[in-house]
Amino acid sequence: MRRCAISVPSNIAEGWGRMSRKNYIQFLRISRGSLFELETQLIITKELKYSNNSESVESLIIEVSKMLNSLIKKLEEKV
């Protein structure tokens, strides 16, 4: 879960550093994939009853997902 959580902002930064809109969008998609992976792992921990207090993390995942989707959509419109 830590690897996924670190991967999200790391991929955003790497994409930005590529200085190409196409590459940036691709890395934003990779970042979104890592976020979905984190969400899946969170669901698994709840199902296995390893954690029962994940509502705040779930809401953050939803918020970040919306931000990534919005940014990707806006960048794609400008292409």
PDB file of N, CA and C in Angstrom:
ATOM      1  N   MET A   1       0.828  -1.188   0.000  1.00  0.00           N
ATOM      2  CA  MET A   1       0.000   0.000   0.000  1.00  0.00           C
ATOM      3  C   MET A   1       0.876   1.257   0.000  1.00  0.00           C
ATOM      4  N   ARG A   2       1.981   1.199   0.720  1.00  0.00           N
ATOM      5  CA  ARG A   2       2.887   2.360   0.727  1.00  0.00           C
ATOM      6  C   ARG A   2       3.455   2.620  -0.655  1.00  0.00           C
ATOM      7  N   ARG A   3       3.814   1.547  -1.356  1.00  0.00           N
ATOM      8  CA  ARG A   3       4.373   1.692  -2.698  1.00  0.00           C
ATOM      9  C   ARG A   3       3.371   2.377  -3.619  1.00  0.00           C
ATOM     10  N   CYS A   4       2.121   1.980  -3.544  1.00  0.00           N
ATOM     11  CA  CYS A   4       1.081   2.603  -4.374  1.00  0.00           C
ATOM     12  C   CYS A   4       0.903   4.071  -4.006  1.00  0.00           C
ATOM     13  N   ALA A   5       0.853   4.330  -2.705  1.00  0.00           N
ATOM     14  CA  ALA A   5       0.645   5.707  -2.247  1.00  0.00           C
ATOM     15  C   ALA A   5       1.783   6.618  -2.685  1.00  0.00           C
ATOM     16  N   ILE A   6       2.996   6.103  -2.673  1.00  0.00           N
ATOM     17  CA  ILE A   6       4.155   6.891  -3.108  1.00  0.00           C
ATOM     18  C   ILE A   6       4.172   7.036  -4.622  1.00  0.00           C
ATOM     19  N   SER A   7       3.688   6.027  -5.315  1.00  0.00           N
ATOM     20  CA  SER A   7       3.690   6.020  -6.778  1.00  0.00           C
ATOM     21  C   SER A   7       2.803   7.114  -7.369  1.00  0.00           C
ATOM     22  N   VAL A   8       1.704   7.443  -6.705  1.00  0.00           N
ATOM     23  CA  VAL A   8       0.769   8.439  -7.241  1.00  0.00           C
ATOM     24  C   VAL A   8       1.460   9.791  -7.471  1.00  0.00           C
ATOM     25  N   PRO A   9       1.985  10.447  -6.444  1.00  0.00           N
ATOM     26  CA  PRO A   9       2.622  11.745  -6.688  1.00  0.00           C
ATOM     27  C   PRO A   9       3.939  11.630  -7.464  1.00  0.00           C
ATOM     28  N   SER A  10       4.621  10.491  -7.320  1.00  0.00           N
ATOM     29  CA  SER A  10       5.880  10.313  -8.045  1.00  0.00           C
ATOM     30  C   SER A  10       5.653  10.309  -9.553  1.00  0.00           C
ATOM     31  N   ASN A  11       4.610   9.637 -10.001  1.00  0.00           N
ATOM     32  CA  ASN A  11       4.306   9.606 -11.432  1.00  0.00           C
ATOM     33  C   ASN A  11       3.826  10.960 -11.941  1.00  0.00           C
ATOM     34  N   ILE A  12       3.104  11.684 -11.119  1.00  0.00           N
ATOM     35  CA  ILE A  12       2.695  13.034 -11.512  1.00  0.00           C
ATOM     36  C   ILE A  12       3.944  13.893 -11.732  1.00  0.00           C
ATOM     37  N   ALA A  13       4.868  13.825 -10.792  1.00  0.00           N
ATOM     38  CA  ALA A  13       6.102  14.613 -10.897  1.00  0.00           C
ATOM     39  C   ALA A  13       6.937  14.188 -12.097  1.00  0.00           C
ATOM     40  N   GLU A  14       7.051  12.888 -12.321  1.00  0.00           N
ATOM     41  CA  GLU A  14       7.848  12.416 -13.451  1.00  0.00           C
ATOM     42  C   GLU A  14       7.235  12.859 -14.774  1.00  0.00           C
ATOM     43  N   GLY A  15       5.922  12.765 -14.878  1.00  0.00           N
ATOM     44  CA  GLY A  15       5.254  13.204 -16.105  1.00  0.00           C
ATOM     45  C   GLY A  15       5.445  14.685 -16.360  1.00  0.00           C
ATOM     46  N   TRP A  16       5.344  15.483 -15.315  1.00  0.00           N
ATOM     47  CA  TRP A  16       5.551  16.928 -15.441  1.00  0.00           C
ATOM     48  C   TRP A  16       6.982  17.218 -15.899  1.00  0.00           C
ATOM     49  N   GLY A  17       7.916  16.462 -15.370  1.00  0.00           N
ATOM     50  CA  GLY A  17       9.321  16.661 -15.708  1.00  0.00           C
ATOM     51  C   GLY A  17       9.668  16.289 -17.139  1.00  0.00           C
ATOM     52  N   ARG A  18       8.824  15.530 -17.797  1.00  0.00           N
ATOM     53  CA  ARG A  18       9.079  15.147 -19.184  1.00  0.00           C
ATOM     54  C   ARG A  18       8.860  16.311 -20.155  1.00  0.00           C
ATOM     55  N   MET A  19       8.177  17.334 -19.704  1.00  0.00           N
ATOM     56  CA  MET A  19       7.973  18.568 -20.470  1.00  0.00           C
ATOM     57  C   MET A  19       7.279  18.322 -21.813  1.00  0.00           C
ATOM     58  N   SER A  20       6.360  17.372 -21.816  1.00  0.00           N
ATOM     59  CA  SER A  20       5.566  17.063 -22.995  1.00  0.00           C
ATOM     60  C   SER A  20       4.150  16.758 -22.522  1.00  0.00           C
ATOM     61  N   ARG A  21       3.180  17.391 -23.137  1.00  0.00           N
ATOM     62  CA  ARG A  21       1.794  17.181 -22.728  1.00  0.00           C
ATOM     63  C   ARG A  21       1.398  15.711 -22.863  1.00  0.00           C
ATOM     64  N   LYS A  22       1.789  15.095 -23.968  1.00  0.00           N
ATOM     65  CA  LYS A  22       1.451  13.692 -24.202  1.00  0.00           C
ATOM     66  C   LYS A  22       2.039  12.795 -23.110  1.00  0.00           C
ATOM     67  N   ASN A  23       3.303  13.010 -22.776  1.00  0.00           N
ATOM     68  CA  ASN A  23       3.937  12.232 -21.708  1.00  0.00           C
ATOM     69  C   ASN A  23       3.300  12.518 -20.353  1.00  0.00           C
ATOM     70  N   TYR A  24       2.976  13.773 -20.111  1.00  0.00           N
ATOM     71  CA  TYR A  24       2.354  14.148 -18.841  1.00  0.00           C
ATOM     72  C   TYR A  24       1.021  13.427 -18.672  1.00  0.00           C
ATOM     73  N   ILE A  25       0.206  13.410 -19.713  1.00  0.00           N
ATOM     74  CA  ILE A  25      -1.078  12.713 -19.655  1.00  0.00           C
ATOM     75  C   ILE A  25      -0.858  11.227 -19.380  1.00  0.00           C
ATOM     76  N   GLN A  26       0.119  10.634 -20.057  1.00  0.00           N
ATOM     77  CA  GLN A  26       0.404   9.213 -19.845  1.00  0.00           C
ATOM     78  C   GLN A  26       0.796   8.934 -18.394  1.00  0.00           C
ATOM     79  N   PHE A  27       1.627   9.767 -17.824  1.00  0.00           N
ATOM     80  CA  PHE A  27       2.042   9.558 -16.436  1.00  0.00           C
ATOM     81  C   PHE A  27       0.895   9.852 -15.461  1.00  0.00           C
ATOM     82  N   LEU A  28      -0.001  10.744 -15.812  1.00  0.00           N
ATOM     83  CA  LEU A  28      -1.189  10.961 -14.984  1.00  0.00           C
ATOM     84  C   LEU A  28      -2.064   9.713 -14.995  1.00  0.00           C
ATOM     85  N   ARG A  29      -2.160   9.061 -16.131  1.00  0.00           N
ATOM     86  CA  ARG A  29      -2.928   7.804 -16.213  1.00  0.00           C
ATOM     87  C   ARG A  29      -2.268   6.709 -15.380  1.00  0.00           C
ATOM     88  N   ILE A  30      -0.955   6.645 -15.425  1.00  0.00           N
ATOM     89  CA  ILE A  30      -0.241   5.674 -14.591  1.00  0.00           C
ATOM     90  C   ILE A  30      -0.486   5.975 -13.116  1.00  0.00           C
ATOM     91  N   SER A  31      -0.469   7.239 -12.770  1.00  0.00           N
ATOM     92  CA  SER A  31      -0.738   7.667 -11.399  1.00  0.00           C
ATOM     93  C   SER A  31      -2.143   7.248 -10.968  1.00  0.00           C
ATOM     94  N   ARG A  32      -3.101   7.429 -11.870  1.00  0.00           N
ATOM     95  CA  ARG A  32      -4.484   7.023 -11.580  1.00  0.00           C
ATOM     96  C   ARG A  32      -4.563   5.517 -11.383  1.00  0.00           C
ATOM     97  N   GLY A  33      -3.799   4.764 -12.171  1.00  0.00           N
ATOM     98  CA  GLY A  33      -3.754   3.311 -12.001  1.00  0.00           C
ATOM     99  C   GLY A  33      -3.222   2.915 -10.636  1.00  0.00           C
ATOM    100  N   SER A  34      -2.197   3.601 -10.183  1.00  0.00           N
ATOM    101  CA  SER A  34      -1.655   3.333  -8.843  1.00  0.00           C
ATOM    102  C   SER A  34      -2.676   3.665  -7.769  1.00  0.00           C
ATOM    103  N   LEU A  35      -3.442   4.713  -8.006  1.00  0.00           N
ATOM    104  CA  LEU A  35      -4.490   5.082  -7.051  1.00  0.00           C
ATOM    105  C   LEU A  35      -5.565   3.999  -6.978  1.00  0.00           C
ATOM    106  N   PHE A  36      -5.950   3.441  -8.137  1.00  0.00           N
ATOM    107  CA  PHE A  36      -6.932   2.350  -8.162  1.00  0.00           C
ATOM    108  C   PHE A  36      -6.368   1.100  -7.484  1.00  0.00           C
ATOM    109  N   GLU A  37      -5.073   0.875  -7.667  1.00  0.00           N
ATOM    110  CA  GLU A  37      -4.428  -0.249  -7.004  1.00  0.00           C
ATOM    111  C   GLU A  37      -4.487  -0.066  -5.487  1.00  0.00           C
ATOM    112  N   LEU A  38      -4.226   1.131  -5.021  1.00  0.00           N
ATOM    113  CA  LEU A  38      -4.316   1.431  -3.594  1.00  0.00           C
ATOM    114  C   LEU A  38      -5.741   1.222  -3.092  1.00  0.00           C
ATOM    115  N   GLU A  39      -6.713   1.677  -3.856  1.00  0.00           N
ATOM    116  CA  GLU A  39      -8.118   1.503  -3.470  1.00  0.00           C
ATOM    117  C   GLU A  39      -8.464   0.021  -3.352  1.00  0.00           C
ATOM    118  N   THR A  40      -7.996  -0.768  -4.296  1.00  0.00           N
ATOM    119  CA  THR A  40      -8.255  -2.213  -4.266  1.00  0.00           C
ATOM    120  C   THR A  40      -7.636  -2.853  -3.035  1.00  0.00           C
ATOM    121  N   GLN A  41      -6.425  -2.473  -2.720  1.00  0.00           N
ATOM    122  CA  GLN A  41      -5.767  -3.029  -1.540  1.00  0.00           C
ATOM    123  C   GLN A  41      -6.479  -2.616  -0.257  1.00  0.00           C
ATOM    124  N   LEU A  42      -7.011  -1.423  -0.242  1.00  0.00           N
ATOM    125  CA  LEU A  42      -7.775  -0.964   0.911  1.00  0.00           C
ATOM    126  C   LEU A  42      -9.049  -1.793   1.078  1.00  0.00           C
ATOM    127  N   ILE A  43      -9.715  -2.070  -0.029  1.00  0.00           N
ATOM    128  CA  ILE A  43     -10.923  -2.909   0.004  1.00  0.00           C
ATOM    129  C   ILE A  43     -10.574  -4.300   0.538  1.00  0.00           C
ATOM    130  N   ILE A  44      -9.463  -4.847   0.081  1.00  0.00           N
ATOM    131  CA  ILE A  44      -9.040  -6.172   0.538  1.00  0.00           C
ATOM    132  C   ILE A  44      -8.773  -6.171   2.037  1.00  0.00           C
ATOM    133  N   THR A  45      -8.107  -5.124   2.538  1.00  0.00           N
ATOM    134  CA  THR A  45      -7.833  -5.077   3.981  1.00  0.00           C
ATOM    135  C   THR A  45      -9.123  -5.003   4.786  1.00  0.00           C
ATOM    136  N   LYS A  46     -10.123  -4.314   4.245  1.00  0.00           N
ATOM    137  CA  LYS A  46     -11.422  -4.262   4.934  1.00  0.00           C
ATOM    138  C   LYS A  46     -12.111  -5.624   4.914  1.00  0.00           C
ATOM    139  N   GLU A  47     -12.094  -6.275   3.742  1.00  0.00           N
ATOM    140  CA  GLU A  47     -12.734  -7.584   3.614  1.00  0.00           C
ATOM    141  C   GLU A  47     -12.091  -8.627   4.529  1.00  0.00           C
ATOM    142  N   LEU A  48     -10.781  -8.547   4.679  1.00  0.00           N
ATOM    143  CA  LEU A  48     -10.064  -9.485   5.537  1.00  0.00           C
ATOM    144  C   LEU A  48     -10.060  -9.050   7.002  1.00  0.00           C
ATOM    145  N   LYS A  49     -10.718  -7.922   7.256  1.00  0.00           N
ATOM    146  CA  LYS A  49     -10.851  -7.370   8.602  1.00  0.00           C
ATOM    147  C   LYS A  49      -9.498  -7.015   9.234  1.00  0.00           C
ATOM    148  N   TYR A  50      -8.557  -6.586   8.384  1.00  0.00           N
ATOM    149  CA  TYR A  50      -7.285  -6.075   8.886  1.00  0.00           C
ATOM    150  C   TYR A  50      -7.435  -4.631   9.339  1.00  0.00           C
ATOM    151  N   SER A  51      -8.440  -3.971   8.800  1.00  0.00           N
ATOM    152  CA  SER A  51      -8.677  -2.569   9.132  1.00  0.00           C
ATOM    153  C   SER A  51     -10.171  -2.317   9.118  1.00  0.00           C
ATOM    154  N   ASN A  52     -10.623  -1.477  10.031  1.00  0.00           N
ATOM    155  CA  ASN A  52     -12.041  -1.129  10.037  1.00  0.00           C
ATOM    156  C   ASN A  52     -12.246   0.382  10.077  1.00  0.00           C
ATOM    157  N   ASN A  53     -11.162   1.120   9.955  1.00  0.00           N
ATOM    158  CA  ASN A  53     -11.246   2.576  10.022  1.00  0.00           C
ATOM    159  C   ASN A  53     -10.581   3.174   8.789  1.00  0.00           C
ATOM    160  N   SER A  54     -11.224   2.985   7.636  1.00  0.00           N
ATOM    161  CA  SER A  54     -10.595   3.425   6.390  1.00  0.00           C
ATOM    162  C   SER A  54     -11.421   4.468   5.652  1.00  0.00           C
ATOM    163  N   GLU A  55     -12.456   4.982   6.288  1.00  0.00           N
ATOM    164  CA  GLU A  55     -13.332   5.937   5.615  1.00  0.00           C
ATOM    165  C   GLU A  55     -12.602   7.201   5.178  1.00  0.00           C
ATOM    166  N   SER A  56     -11.700   7.701   6.012  1.00  0.00           N
ATOM    167  CA  SER A  56     -10.993   8.932   5.651  1.00  0.00           C
ATOM    168  C   SER A  56     -10.061   8.696   4.460  1.00  0.00           C
ATOM    169  N   VAL A  57      -9.438   7.524   4.411  1.00  0.00           N
ATOM    170  CA  VAL A  57      -8.565   7.201   3.276  1.00  0.00           C
ATOM    171  C   VAL A  57      -9.404   7.033   2.013  1.00  0.00           C
ATOM    172  N   GLU A  58     -10.545   6.382   2.138  1.00  0.00           N
ATOM    173  CA  GLU A  58     -11.437   6.198   0.992  1.00  0.00           C
ATOM    174  C   GLU A  58     -11.881   7.542   0.418  1.00  0.00           C
ATOM    175  N   SER A  59     -12.211   8.477   1.278  1.00  0.00           N
ATOM    176  CA  SER A  59     -12.648   9.787   0.795  1.00  0.00           C
ATOM    177  C   SER A  59     -11.504  10.542   0.115  1.00  0.00           C
ATOM    178  N   LEU A  60     -10.288  10.371   0.612  1.00  0.00           N
ATOM    179  CA  LEU A  60      -9.126  10.998  -0.029  1.00  0.00           C
ATOM    180  C   LEU A  60      -8.857  10.380  -1.395  1.00  0.00           C
ATOM    181  N   ILE A  61      -9.013   9.076  -1.499  1.00  0.00           N
ATOM    182  CA  ILE A  61      -8.820   8.401  -2.781  1.00  0.00           C
ATOM    183  C   ILE A  61      -9.822   8.924  -3.800  1.00  0.00           C
ATOM    184  N   ILE A  62     -11.062   9.081  -3.395  1.00  0.00           N
ATOM    185  CA  ILE A  62     -12.094   9.610  -4.295  1.00  0.00           C
ATOM    186  C   ILE A  62     -11.753  11.028  -4.724  1.00  0.00           C
ATOM    187  N   GLU A  63     -11.323  11.838  -3.787  1.00  0.00           N
ATOM    188  CA  GLU A  63     -10.975  13.233  -4.090  1.00  0.00           C
ATOM    189  C   GLU A  63      -9.796  13.322  -5.064  1.00  0.00           C
ATOM    190  N   VAL A  64      -8.762  12.546  -4.820  1.00  0.00           N
ATOM    191  CA  VAL A  64      -7.590  12.565  -5.706  1.00  0.00           C
ATOM    192  C   VAL A  64      -7.967  12.022  -7.081  1.00  0.00           C
ATOM    193  N   SER A  65      -8.796  11.001  -7.112  1.00  0.00           N
ATOM    194  CA  SER A  65      -9.246  10.434  -8.387  1.00  0.00           C
ATOM    195  C   SER A  65      -9.989  11.475  -9.213  1.00  0.00           C
ATOM    196  N   LYS A  66     -10.852  12.225  -8.582  1.00  0.00           N
ATOM    197  CA  LYS A  66     -11.584  13.289  -9.287  1.00  0.00           C
ATOM    198  C   LYS A  66     -10.624  14.344  -9.831  1.00  0.00           C
ATOM    199  N   MET A  67      -9.621  14.702  -9.037  1.00  0.00           N
ATOM    200  CA  MET A  67      -8.654  15.704  -9.490  1.00  0.00           C
ATOM    201  C   MET A  67      -7.852  15.198 -10.682  1.00  0.00           C
ATOM    202  N   LEU A  68      -7.407  13.947 -10.617  1.00  0.00           N
ATOM    203  CA  LEU A  68      -6.649  13.384 -11.730  1.00  0.00           C
ATOM    204  C   LEU A  68      -7.500  13.294 -12.991  1.00  0.00           C
ATOM    205  N   ASN A  69      -8.746  12.816 -12.841  1.00  0.00           N
ATOM    206  CA  ASN A  69      -9.636  12.713 -13.994  1.00  0.00           C
ATOM    207  C   ASN A  69      -9.882  14.072 -14.637  1.00  0.00           C
ATOM    208  N   SER A  70     -10.091  15.071 -13.819  1.00  0.00           N
ATOM    209  CA  SER A  70     -10.334  16.421 -14.322  1.00  0.00           C
ATOM    210  C   SER A  70      -9.116  16.963 -15.059  1.00  0.00           C
ATOM    211  N   LEU A  71      -7.939  16.773 -14.484  1.00  0.00           N
ATOM    212  CA  LEU A  71      -6.720  17.267 -15.113  1.00  0.00           C
ATOM    213  C   LEU A  71      -6.464  16.554 -16.438  1.00  0.00           C
ATOM    214  N   ILE A  72      -6.634  15.245 -16.454  1.00  0.00           N
ATOM    215  CA  ILE A  72      -6.440  14.481 -17.689  1.00  0.00           C
ATOM    216  C   ILE A  72      -7.404  14.969 -18.763  1.00  0.00           C
ATOM    217  N   LYS A  73      -8.660  15.137 -18.395  1.00  0.00           N
ATOM    218  CA  LYS A  73      -9.675  15.579 -19.354  1.00  0.00           C
ATOM    219  C   LYS A  73      -9.334  16.949 -19.923  1.00  0.00           C
ATOM    220  N   LYS A  74      -8.934  17.876 -19.058  1.00  0.00           N
ATOM    221  CA  LYS A  74      -8.592  19.230 -19.527  1.00  0.00           C
ATOM    222  C   LYS A  74      -7.371  19.227 -20.439  1.00  0.00           C
ATOM    223  N   LEU A  75      -6.379  18.422 -20.098  1.00  0.00           N
ATOM    224  CA  LEU A  75      -5.187  18.347 -20.949  1.00  0.00           C
ATOM    225  C   LEU A  75      -5.488  17.687 -22.292  1.00  0.00           C
ATOM    226  N   GLU A  76      -6.372  16.712 -22.298  1.00  0.00           N
ATOM    227  CA  GLU A  76      -6.747  16.053 -23.552  1.00  0.00           C
ATOM    228  C   GLU A  76      -7.550  16.981 -24.458  1.00  0.00           C
ATOM    229  N   GLU A  77      -8.347  17.863 -23.875  1.00  0.00           N
ATOM    230  CA  GLU A  77      -9.144  18.808 -24.669  1.00  0.00           C
ATOM    231  C   GLU A  77      -8.253  19.785 -25.422  1.00  0.00           C
ATOM    232  N   LYS A  78      -7.097  20.101 -24.873  1.00  0.00           N
ATOM    233  CA  LYS A  78      -6.202  21.080 -25.461  1.00  0.00           C
ATOM    234  C   LYS A  78      -5.311  20.495 -26.542  1.00  0.00           C
ATOM    235  N   VAL A  79      -5.343  19.181 -26.714  1.00  0.00           N
ATOM    236  CA  VAL A  79      -4.467  18.535 -27.706  1.00  0.00           C
ATOM    237  C   VAL A  79      -5.005  18.718 -29.091  1.00  0.00           C
TER     238      VAL A  79
END
